[in-house]
Amino acid sequence: MNIREAKRDDLDGIFAIYDREVLHGTATFDTVVKSTQERLDWFATAGQRYPVLVAEEKNRVLGWARAYAWSPRRAYDRTAENAVYVRDDARGRGLGRALMEKLIELAPQHGIHVLVARIVEGNPASVRLHEALGFKTIGVMRQVGEKFGTLLDVRLMDLHLDHKRA
């Protein structure tokens, strides 16, 4: 398995993983699959400041991770949200952890000092992964999302990369 920066050619593999969650899961609150142009814009926007990584094996994208703006307000520039997704048939092999470790390593080089994760309640694997990497729960937003007719809570977690906690 190889962890590397994503290329435009990886978008089909990235979105094959993501679209499954859009249509059938709650790991994302997106409810509509992105168009080809939206995918290209997503990639171009990320590449301007934030890392996008893929885990590949035998030229297949098995997982991906990225950081992206927590807020458009300039005061939040040092903070980014992370996302990590792994193909169903590749889970349990440590890909999510490897992707996140690389993302955490690269984040300070991109001016990121705090990573924030929003994890839908009922996703204990993602919570365990983030906890194992040092993320701490900072709160739960109650019933902020609705998908498939179910109201969903979201756990907020953060990781301070400069080790300066207020």
N, C-alpha and C. Protein backbone atom coordinates (compact mmCIF):
# COMPACT_ATOMS: atom_id res chain seq x y z
N MET A 1 0.84 -1.18 0.00
CA MET A 1 0.00 0.00 0.00
C MET A 1 0.88 1.24 0.00
N ASN A 2 0.47 2.24 -0.74
CA ASN A 2 1.22 3.47 -0.89
C ASN A 2 0.33 4.64 -0.51
N ILE A 3 0.83 5.54 0.35
CA ILE A 3 0.12 6.78 0.69
C ILE A 3 0.82 7.89 -0.07
N ARG A 4 0.04 8.68 -0.82
CA ARG A 4 0.63 9.76 -1.60
C ARG A 4 -0.39 10.87 -1.80
N GLU A 5 0.12 12.00 -2.29
CA GLU A 5 -0.79 13.09 -2.63
C GLU A 5 -1.68 12.66 -3.80
N ALA A 6 -2.93 13.05 -3.72
CA ALA A 6 -3.89 12.69 -4.77
C ALA A 6 -3.60 13.47 -6.04
N LYS A 7 -3.95 12.85 -7.16
CA LYS A 7 -3.88 13.47 -8.48
C LYS A 7 -5.29 13.52 -9.05
N ARG A 8 -5.43 14.35 -10.05
CA ARG A 8 -6.75 14.47 -10.69
C ARG A 8 -7.25 13.11 -11.18
N ASP A 9 -6.34 12.26 -11.63
CA ASP A 9 -6.72 10.92 -12.12
C ASP A 9 -7.31 10.04 -11.02
N ASP A 10 -7.14 10.43 -9.76
CA ASP A 10 -7.66 9.65 -8.64
C ASP A 10 -9.12 9.96 -8.31
N LEU A 11 -9.67 10.98 -8.95
CA LEU A 11 -11.02 11.43 -8.57
C LEU A 11 -12.08 10.34 -8.71
N ASP A 12 -12.01 9.50 -9.74
CA ASP A 12 -13.01 8.43 -9.87
C ASP A 12 -12.94 7.49 -8.67
N GLY A 13 -11.74 7.13 -8.25
CA GLY A 13 -11.58 6.24 -7.09
C GLY A 13 -12.01 6.91 -5.79
N ILE A 14 -11.65 8.18 -5.63
CA ILE A 14 -12.04 8.93 -4.43
C ILE A 14 -13.56 8.99 -4.33
N PHE A 15 -14.20 9.36 -5.44
CA PHE A 15 -15.65 9.55 -5.39
C PHE A 15 -16.44 8.24 -5.43
N ALA A 16 -15.84 7.16 -5.88
CA ALA A 16 -16.51 5.87 -5.75
C ALA A 16 -16.70 5.54 -4.28
N ILE A 17 -15.70 5.86 -3.48
CA ILE A 17 -15.78 5.63 -2.03
C ILE A 17 -16.76 6.61 -1.40
N TYR A 18 -16.61 7.87 -1.74
CA TYR A 18 -17.43 8.91 -1.12
C TYR A 18 -18.91 8.78 -1.50
N ASP A 19 -19.17 8.50 -2.77
CA ASP A 19 -20.56 8.42 -3.22
C ASP A 19 -21.34 7.33 -2.52
N ARG A 20 -20.68 6.25 -2.14
CA ARG A 20 -21.36 5.20 -1.39
C ARG A 20 -21.90 5.76 -0.07
N GLU A 21 -21.09 6.60 0.59
CA GLU A 21 -21.54 7.22 1.84
C GLU A 21 -22.62 8.26 1.59
N VAL A 22 -22.50 9.00 0.50
CA VAL A 22 -23.52 9.99 0.16
C VAL A 22 -24.88 9.30 0.00
N LEU A 23 -24.88 8.19 -0.72
CA LEU A 23 -26.15 7.52 -1.06
C LEU A 23 -26.65 6.54 -0.01
N HIS A 24 -25.74 5.95 0.77
CA HIS A 24 -26.15 4.86 1.66
C HIS A 24 -25.68 4.99 3.10
N GLY A 25 -24.85 5.96 3.40
CA GLY A 25 -24.27 6.05 4.74
C GLY A 25 -24.52 7.39 5.40
N THR A 26 -24.02 7.51 6.61
CA THR A 26 -24.16 8.76 7.35
C THR A 26 -22.81 9.39 7.69
N ALA A 27 -21.72 8.86 7.16
CA ALA A 27 -20.41 9.43 7.44
C ALA A 27 -20.28 10.83 6.83
N THR A 28 -21.07 11.13 5.81
CA THR A 28 -21.16 12.48 5.27
C THR A 28 -22.63 12.90 5.30
N PHE A 29 -22.84 14.18 5.45
CA PHE A 29 -24.20 14.70 5.40
C PHE A 29 -24.55 15.19 4.00
N ASP A 30 -23.64 15.03 3.03
CA ASP A 30 -24.02 15.26 1.64
C ASP A 30 -25.10 14.25 1.29
N THR A 31 -26.06 14.67 0.50
CA THR A 31 -27.16 13.78 0.11
C THR A 31 -27.29 13.62 -1.40
N VAL A 32 -26.49 14.38 -2.14
CA VAL A 32 -26.53 14.33 -3.60
C VAL A 32 -25.10 14.13 -4.10
N VAL A 33 -24.94 13.21 -5.03
CA VAL A 33 -23.63 12.93 -5.64
C VAL A 33 -23.18 14.16 -6.42
N LYS A 34 -21.90 14.51 -6.30
CA LYS A 34 -21.36 15.66 -7.01
C LYS A 34 -21.25 15.38 -8.51
N SER A 35 -21.47 16.42 -9.29
CA SER A 35 -21.30 16.33 -10.74
C SER A 35 -19.80 16.28 -11.06
N THR A 36 -19.49 15.97 -12.29
CA THR A 36 -18.08 15.94 -12.72
C THR A 36 -17.43 17.29 -12.47
N GLN A 37 -18.09 18.38 -12.82
CA GLN A 37 -17.51 19.71 -12.60
C GLN A 37 -17.34 20.00 -11.11
N GLU A 38 -18.30 19.62 -10.29
CA GLU A 38 -18.17 19.82 -8.85
C GLU A 38 -16.99 19.04 -8.28
N ARG A 39 -16.74 17.85 -8.80
CA ARG A 39 -15.60 17.05 -8.35
C ARG A 39 -14.29 17.74 -8.72
N LEU A 40 -14.22 18.26 -9.92
CA LEU A 40 -13.02 18.97 -10.36
C LEU A 40 -12.80 20.23 -9.51
N ASP A 41 -13.87 20.95 -9.23
CA ASP A 41 -13.78 22.15 -8.38
C ASP A 41 -13.34 21.77 -6.96
N TRP A 42 -13.90 20.69 -6.43
CA TRP A 42 -13.54 20.19 -5.09
C TRP A 42 -12.04 19.93 -5.02
N PHE A 43 -11.52 19.27 -6.04
CA PHE A 43 -10.10 18.93 -6.07
C PHE A 43 -9.24 20.18 -6.23
N ALA A 44 -9.62 21.08 -7.13
CA ALA A 44 -8.85 22.30 -7.37
C ALA A 44 -8.82 23.18 -6.12
N THR A 45 -9.95 23.29 -5.44
CA THR A 45 -10.02 24.11 -4.23
C THR A 45 -9.14 23.53 -3.13
N ALA A 46 -9.19 22.23 -2.96
CA ALA A 46 -8.38 21.58 -1.92
C ALA A 46 -6.90 21.78 -2.21
N GLY A 47 -6.52 21.58 -3.46
CA GLY A 47 -5.11 21.64 -3.82
C GLY A 47 -4.48 23.00 -3.65
N GLN A 48 -5.29 24.06 -3.55
CA GLN A 48 -4.74 25.39 -3.38
C GLN A 48 -4.09 25.58 -2.02
N ARG A 49 -4.60 24.93 -1.00
CA ARG A 49 -4.02 25.10 0.33
C ARG A 49 -3.92 23.81 1.13
N TYR A 50 -4.85 22.91 0.95
CA TYR A 50 -4.98 21.76 1.84
C TYR A 50 -4.55 20.46 1.18
N PRO A 51 -3.93 19.58 1.95
CA PRO A 51 -3.51 18.29 1.38
C PRO A 51 -4.70 17.36 1.13
N VAL A 52 -4.62 16.64 0.03
CA VAL A 52 -5.54 15.54 -0.28
C VAL A 52 -4.66 14.33 -0.54
N LEU A 53 -4.92 13.25 0.19
CA LEU A 53 -4.08 12.06 0.12
C LEU A 53 -4.91 10.85 -0.31
N VAL A 54 -4.25 9.90 -0.96
CA VAL A 54 -4.89 8.63 -1.27
C VAL A 54 -4.00 7.49 -0.78
N ALA A 55 -4.67 6.39 -0.43
CA ALA A 55 -3.98 5.12 -0.19
C ALA A 55 -4.29 4.28 -1.41
N GLU A 56 -3.25 3.82 -2.07
CA GLU A 56 -3.46 3.02 -3.27
C GLU A 56 -2.71 1.70 -3.17
N GLU A 57 -3.25 0.74 -3.87
CA GLU A 57 -2.61 -0.56 -3.98
C GLU A 57 -2.96 -1.10 -5.35
N LYS A 58 -1.96 -1.51 -6.11
CA LYS A 58 -2.17 -2.04 -7.46
C LYS A 58 -3.00 -1.07 -8.31
N ASN A 59 -2.65 0.22 -8.21
CA ASN A 59 -3.29 1.28 -8.98
C ASN A 59 -4.78 1.47 -8.67
N ARG A 60 -5.22 1.02 -7.48
CA ARG A 60 -6.61 1.23 -7.05
C ARG A 60 -6.61 2.10 -5.80
N VAL A 61 -7.48 3.10 -5.79
CA VAL A 61 -7.64 3.94 -4.60
C VAL A 61 -8.46 3.14 -3.58
N LEU A 62 -7.84 2.87 -2.43
CA LEU A 62 -8.52 2.13 -1.36
C LEU A 62 -9.04 3.04 -0.27
N GLY A 63 -8.53 4.27 -0.22
CA GLY A 63 -8.98 5.22 0.78
C GLY A 63 -8.42 6.59 0.46
N TRP A 64 -8.96 7.58 1.13
CA TRP A 64 -8.47 8.94 0.94
C TRP A 64 -8.71 9.76 2.20
N ALA A 65 -7.94 10.83 2.32
CA ALA A 65 -8.09 11.77 3.44
C ALA A 65 -7.77 13.16 2.93
N ARG A 66 -8.36 14.14 3.59
CA ARG A 66 -8.05 15.52 3.22
C ARG A 66 -8.31 16.44 4.40
N ALA A 67 -7.71 17.60 4.31
CA ALA A 67 -8.03 18.69 5.23
C ALA A 67 -8.73 19.75 4.39
N TYR A 68 -9.59 20.52 5.05
CA TYR A 68 -10.26 21.61 4.35
C TYR A 68 -10.66 22.67 5.35
N ALA A 69 -11.01 23.83 4.84
CA ALA A 69 -11.29 24.98 5.70
C ALA A 69 -12.37 24.66 6.72
N TRP A 70 -12.11 25.00 7.96
CA TRP A 70 -13.12 24.87 9.01
C TRP A 70 -14.16 25.96 8.85
N SER A 71 -13.72 27.13 8.44
CA SER A 71 -14.62 28.27 8.27
C SER A 71 -13.99 29.21 7.24
N PRO A 72 -14.80 29.95 6.50
CA PRO A 72 -14.24 30.92 5.56
C PRO A 72 -13.71 32.18 6.26
N ARG A 73 -13.99 32.34 7.54
CA ARG A 73 -13.53 33.53 8.27
C ARG A 73 -12.03 33.43 8.53
N ARG A 74 -11.31 34.49 8.23
CA ARG A 74 -9.85 34.51 8.28
C ARG A 74 -9.28 34.14 9.65
N ALA A 75 -9.98 34.46 10.71
CA ALA A 75 -9.46 34.16 12.05
C ALA A 75 -9.31 32.65 12.28
N TYR A 76 -9.97 31.85 11.47
CA TYR A 76 -9.89 30.39 11.60
C TYR A 76 -8.85 29.77 10.67
N ASP A 77 -8.02 30.57 10.02
CA ASP A 77 -7.09 30.04 9.03
C ASP A 77 -6.16 28.96 9.58
N ARG A 78 -5.87 28.97 10.86
CA ARG A 78 -4.95 27.98 11.43
C ARG A 78 -5.66 26.66 11.75
N THR A 79 -6.96 26.62 11.52
CA THR A 79 -7.77 25.44 11.85
C THR A 79 -8.34 24.83 10.58
N ALA A 80 -8.30 23.51 10.50
CA ALA A 80 -8.87 22.80 9.35
C ALA A 80 -9.65 21.60 9.84
N GLU A 81 -10.64 21.21 9.08
CA GLU A 81 -11.39 19.99 9.36
C GLU A 81 -10.78 18.86 8.55
N ASN A 82 -10.82 17.66 9.10
CA ASN A 82 -10.30 16.52 8.36
C ASN A 82 -11.44 15.60 7.94
N ALA A 83 -11.16 14.85 6.88
CA ALA A 83 -12.06 13.80 6.42
C ALA A 83 -11.20 12.60 6.06
N VAL A 84 -11.71 11.41 6.35
CA VAL A 84 -11.00 10.18 5.98
C VAL A 84 -12.05 9.12 5.64
N TYR A 85 -11.86 8.46 4.51
CA TYR A 85 -12.79 7.44 4.03
C TYR A 85 -11.99 6.27 3.48
N VAL A 86 -12.47 5.05 3.76
CA VAL A 86 -11.81 3.84 3.28
C VAL A 86 -12.87 2.95 2.64
N ARG A 87 -12.51 2.33 1.51
CA ARG A 87 -13.42 1.39 0.85
C ARG A 87 -13.86 0.31 1.83
N ASP A 88 -15.10 -0.12 1.69
CA ASP A 88 -15.63 -1.18 2.56
C ASP A 88 -14.74 -2.41 2.58
N ASP A 89 -14.28 -2.84 1.41
CA ASP A 89 -13.51 -4.08 1.32
C ASP A 89 -12.05 -3.92 1.73
N ALA A 90 -11.65 -2.70 2.14
CA ALA A 90 -10.27 -2.46 2.57
C ALA A 90 -10.19 -2.05 4.04
N ARG A 91 -11.31 -2.05 4.72
CA ARG A 91 -11.32 -1.65 6.13
C ARG A 91 -10.67 -2.70 7.01
N GLY A 92 -10.15 -2.24 8.14
CA GLY A 92 -9.53 -3.15 9.09
C GLY A 92 -8.07 -3.45 8.79
N ARG A 93 -7.49 -2.75 7.82
CA ARG A 93 -6.10 -2.98 7.44
C ARG A 93 -5.18 -1.84 7.87
N GLY A 94 -5.73 -0.84 8.56
CA GLY A 94 -4.91 0.27 9.03
C GLY A 94 -4.77 1.40 8.02
N LEU A 95 -5.54 1.38 6.95
CA LEU A 95 -5.44 2.44 5.95
C LEU A 95 -5.89 3.79 6.48
N GLY A 96 -6.99 3.81 7.22
CA GLY A 96 -7.48 5.06 7.78
C GLY A 96 -6.44 5.70 8.69
N ARG A 97 -5.83 4.88 9.52
CA ARG A 97 -4.80 5.39 10.43
C ARG A 97 -3.59 5.90 9.64
N ALA A 98 -3.14 5.15 8.65
CA ALA A 98 -1.99 5.57 7.85
C ALA A 98 -2.28 6.89 7.13
N LEU A 99 -3.46 7.02 6.58
CA LEU A 99 -3.84 8.26 5.91
C LEU A 99 -3.87 9.43 6.89
N MET A 100 -4.46 9.21 8.05
CA MET A 100 -4.54 10.28 9.04
C MET A 100 -3.17 10.65 9.59
N GLU A 101 -2.31 9.67 9.82
CA GLU A 101 -0.97 9.97 10.31
C GLU A 101 -0.22 10.85 9.31
N LYS A 102 -0.35 10.56 8.03
CA LYS A 102 0.31 11.37 7.00
C LYS A 102 -0.32 12.76 6.94
N LEU A 103 -1.64 12.85 7.06
CA LEU A 103 -2.32 14.14 7.05
C LEU A 103 -1.85 14.99 8.23
N ILE A 104 -1.76 14.39 9.40
CA ILE A 104 -1.29 15.10 10.60
C ILE A 104 0.16 15.56 10.41
N GLU A 105 0.97 14.74 9.80
CA GLU A 105 2.37 15.10 9.54
C GLU A 105 2.47 16.30 8.60
N LEU A 106 1.64 16.33 7.56
CA LEU A 106 1.69 17.39 6.55
C LEU A 106 1.00 18.68 6.98
N ALA A 107 0.05 18.59 7.87
CA ALA A 107 -0.79 19.75 8.22
C ALA A 107 0.01 21.00 8.60
N PRO A 108 0.99 20.91 9.49
CA PRO A 108 1.72 22.14 9.85
C PRO A 108 2.43 22.79 8.67
N GLN A 109 2.85 22.02 7.70
CA GLN A 109 3.49 22.58 6.50
C GLN A 109 2.51 23.41 5.68
N HIS A 110 1.22 23.22 5.94
CA HIS A 110 0.16 23.96 5.25
C HIS A 110 -0.45 25.03 6.15
N GLY A 111 0.23 25.34 7.25
CA GLY A 111 -0.26 26.38 8.16
C GLY A 111 -1.38 25.93 9.06
N ILE A 112 -1.58 24.63 9.17
CA ILE A 112 -2.65 24.08 10.01
C ILE A 112 -2.08 23.71 11.37
N HIS A 113 -2.68 24.26 12.43
CA HIS A 113 -2.22 23.99 13.79
C HIS A 113 -3.26 23.27 14.63
N VAL A 114 -4.50 23.27 14.16
CA VAL A 114 -5.57 22.55 14.85
C VAL A 114 -6.39 21.80 13.79
N LEU A 115 -6.58 20.50 14.02
CA LEU A 115 -7.48 19.72 13.17
C LEU A 115 -8.75 19.44 13.94
N VAL A 116 -9.87 19.58 13.27
CA VAL A 116 -11.18 19.34 13.87
C VAL A 116 -11.85 18.21 13.09
N ALA A 117 -12.51 17.33 13.82
CA ALA A 117 -13.27 16.24 13.20
C ALA A 117 -14.72 16.34 13.65
N ARG A 118 -15.62 16.17 12.69
CA ARG A 118 -17.05 16.05 12.99
C ARG A 118 -17.42 14.62 12.65
N ILE A 119 -17.83 13.86 13.67
CA ILE A 119 -18.11 12.43 13.47
C ILE A 119 -19.54 12.15 13.90
N VAL A 120 -20.32 11.61 12.98
CA VAL A 120 -21.70 11.30 13.29
C VAL A 120 -21.74 10.23 14.39
N GLU A 121 -22.61 10.45 15.36
CA GLU A 121 -22.76 9.45 16.42
C GLU A 121 -23.21 8.14 15.78
N GLY A 122 -22.70 7.04 16.29
CA GLY A 122 -22.99 5.75 15.71
C GLY A 122 -21.87 5.29 14.78
N ASN A 123 -20.73 5.99 14.81
CA ASN A 123 -19.57 5.61 14.01
C ASN A 123 -18.38 5.39 14.96
N PRO A 124 -18.45 4.33 15.78
CA PRO A 124 -17.42 4.12 16.80
C PRO A 124 -16.02 3.88 16.22
N ALA A 125 -15.93 3.32 15.03
CA ALA A 125 -14.61 3.08 14.44
C ALA A 125 -13.89 4.40 14.18
N SER A 126 -14.61 5.39 13.70
CA SER A 126 -14.00 6.69 13.43
C SER A 126 -13.62 7.38 14.75
N VAL A 127 -14.47 7.28 15.74
CA VAL A 127 -14.14 7.86 17.06
C VAL A 127 -12.88 7.20 17.61
N ARG A 128 -12.81 5.87 17.57
CA ARG A 128 -11.62 5.16 18.07
C ARG A 128 -10.36 5.57 17.31
N LEU A 129 -10.46 5.68 16.00
CA LEU A 129 -9.32 6.10 15.18
C LEU A 129 -8.83 7.47 15.62
N HIS A 130 -9.73 8.42 15.72
CA HIS A 130 -9.35 9.77 16.09
C HIS A 130 -8.78 9.81 17.52
N GLU A 131 -9.39 9.08 18.44
CA GLU A 131 -8.86 9.04 19.80
C GLU A 131 -7.46 8.45 19.82
N ALA A 132 -7.22 7.40 19.06
CA ALA A 132 -5.90 6.77 19.01
C ALA A 132 -4.83 7.72 18.49
N LEU A 133 -5.25 8.71 17.70
CA LEU A 133 -4.32 9.68 17.15
C LEU A 133 -4.21 10.94 18.01
N GLY A 134 -4.89 10.95 19.16
CA GLY A 134 -4.77 12.06 20.09
C GLY A 134 -5.89 13.07 20.06
N PHE A 135 -6.89 12.89 19.21
CA PHE A 135 -8.04 13.80 19.19
C PHE A 135 -8.82 13.64 20.50
N LYS A 136 -9.36 14.75 20.97
CA LYS A 136 -10.20 14.76 22.18
C LYS A 136 -11.59 15.25 21.82
N THR A 137 -12.59 14.66 22.45
CA THR A 137 -13.97 15.12 22.26
C THR A 137 -14.13 16.46 22.94
N ILE A 138 -14.68 17.43 22.20
CA ILE A 138 -14.91 18.75 22.77
C ILE A 138 -16.40 19.08 22.86
N GLY A 139 -17.25 18.18 22.36
CA GLY A 139 -18.69 18.40 22.49
C GLY A 139 -19.48 17.54 21.53
N VAL A 140 -20.78 17.57 21.72
CA VAL A 140 -21.70 16.86 20.83
C VAL A 140 -22.80 17.85 20.43
N MET A 141 -23.00 17.98 19.13
CA MET A 141 -24.08 18.80 18.62
C MET A 141 -25.28 17.88 18.42
N ARG A 142 -26.35 18.16 19.11
CA ARG A 142 -27.51 17.29 19.13
C ARG A 142 -28.45 17.55 17.95
N GLN A 143 -28.80 16.48 17.26
CA GLN A 143 -29.80 16.48 16.19
C GLN A 143 -29.57 17.59 15.15
N VAL A 144 -28.30 17.81 14.77
CA VAL A 144 -27.98 18.86 13.80
C VAL A 144 -28.11 18.40 12.36
N GLY A 145 -28.19 17.10 12.15
CA GLY A 145 -28.33 16.57 10.80
C GLY A 145 -29.51 15.63 10.71
N GLU A 146 -30.00 15.48 9.49
CA GLU A 146 -31.07 14.50 9.25
C GLU A 146 -30.77 13.81 7.93
N LYS A 147 -30.73 12.50 7.99
CA LYS A 147 -30.48 11.71 6.80
C LYS A 147 -31.27 10.42 6.92
N PHE A 148 -31.88 10.02 5.84
CA PHE A 148 -32.70 8.80 5.79
C PHE A 148 -33.80 8.82 6.85
N GLY A 149 -34.32 10.02 7.13
CA GLY A 149 -35.41 10.17 8.08
C GLY A 149 -35.00 10.08 9.54
N THR A 150 -33.72 10.10 9.82
CA THR A 150 -33.23 9.99 11.19
C THR A 150 -32.48 11.26 11.58
N LEU A 151 -32.79 11.80 12.75
CA LEU A 151 -32.04 12.94 13.29
C LEU A 151 -30.72 12.43 13.84
N LEU A 152 -29.64 13.12 13.54
CA LEU A 152 -28.30 12.65 13.86
C LEU A 152 -27.52 13.65 14.70
N ASP A 153 -26.86 13.14 15.72
CA ASP A 153 -25.94 13.92 16.53
C ASP A 153 -24.55 13.87 15.89
N VAL A 154 -23.75 14.87 16.15
CA VAL A 154 -22.39 14.93 15.64
C VAL A 154 -21.42 15.22 16.78
N ARG A 155 -20.43 14.36 16.92
CA ARG A 155 -19.38 14.55 17.92
C ARG A 155 -18.30 15.44 17.31
N LEU A 156 -17.89 16.45 18.07
CA LEU A 156 -16.78 17.31 17.66
C LEU A 156 -15.53 16.87 18.41
N MET A 157 -14.43 16.73 17.67
CA MET A 157 -13.16 16.36 18.27
C MET A 157 -12.09 17.29 17.71
N ASP A 158 -11.03 17.52 18.49
CA ASP A 158 -9.94 18.34 17.97
C ASP A 158 -8.59 17.78 18.37
N LEU A 159 -7.59 18.17 17.58
CA LEU A 159 -6.21 17.79 17.82
C LEU A 159 -5.37 19.03 17.62
N HIS A 160 -4.62 19.40 18.66
CA HIS A 160 -3.75 20.58 18.60
C HIS A 160 -2.36 20.12 18.19
N LEU A 161 -1.96 20.49 17.00
CA LEU A 161 -0.71 20.02 16.45
C LEU A 161 0.50 20.76 17.01
N ASP A 162 0.28 21.96 17.55
CA ASP A 162 1.39 22.69 18.14
C ASP A 162 1.50 22.44 19.64
N HIS A 163 0.66 21.53 20.14
CA HIS A 163 0.68 21.09 21.54
C HIS A 163 0.47 22.22 22.54
N LYS A 164 -0.18 23.28 22.11
CA LYS A 164 -0.48 24.41 23.00
C LYS A 164 -1.99 24.44 23.20
N ARG A 165 -2.44 23.81 24.23
CA ARG A 165 -3.88 23.80 24.52
C ARG A 165 -4.21 24.94 25.44
N ALA A 166 -5.27 25.65 25.10
CA ALA A 166 -5.72 26.76 25.95
C ALA A 166 -6.50 26.22 27.12
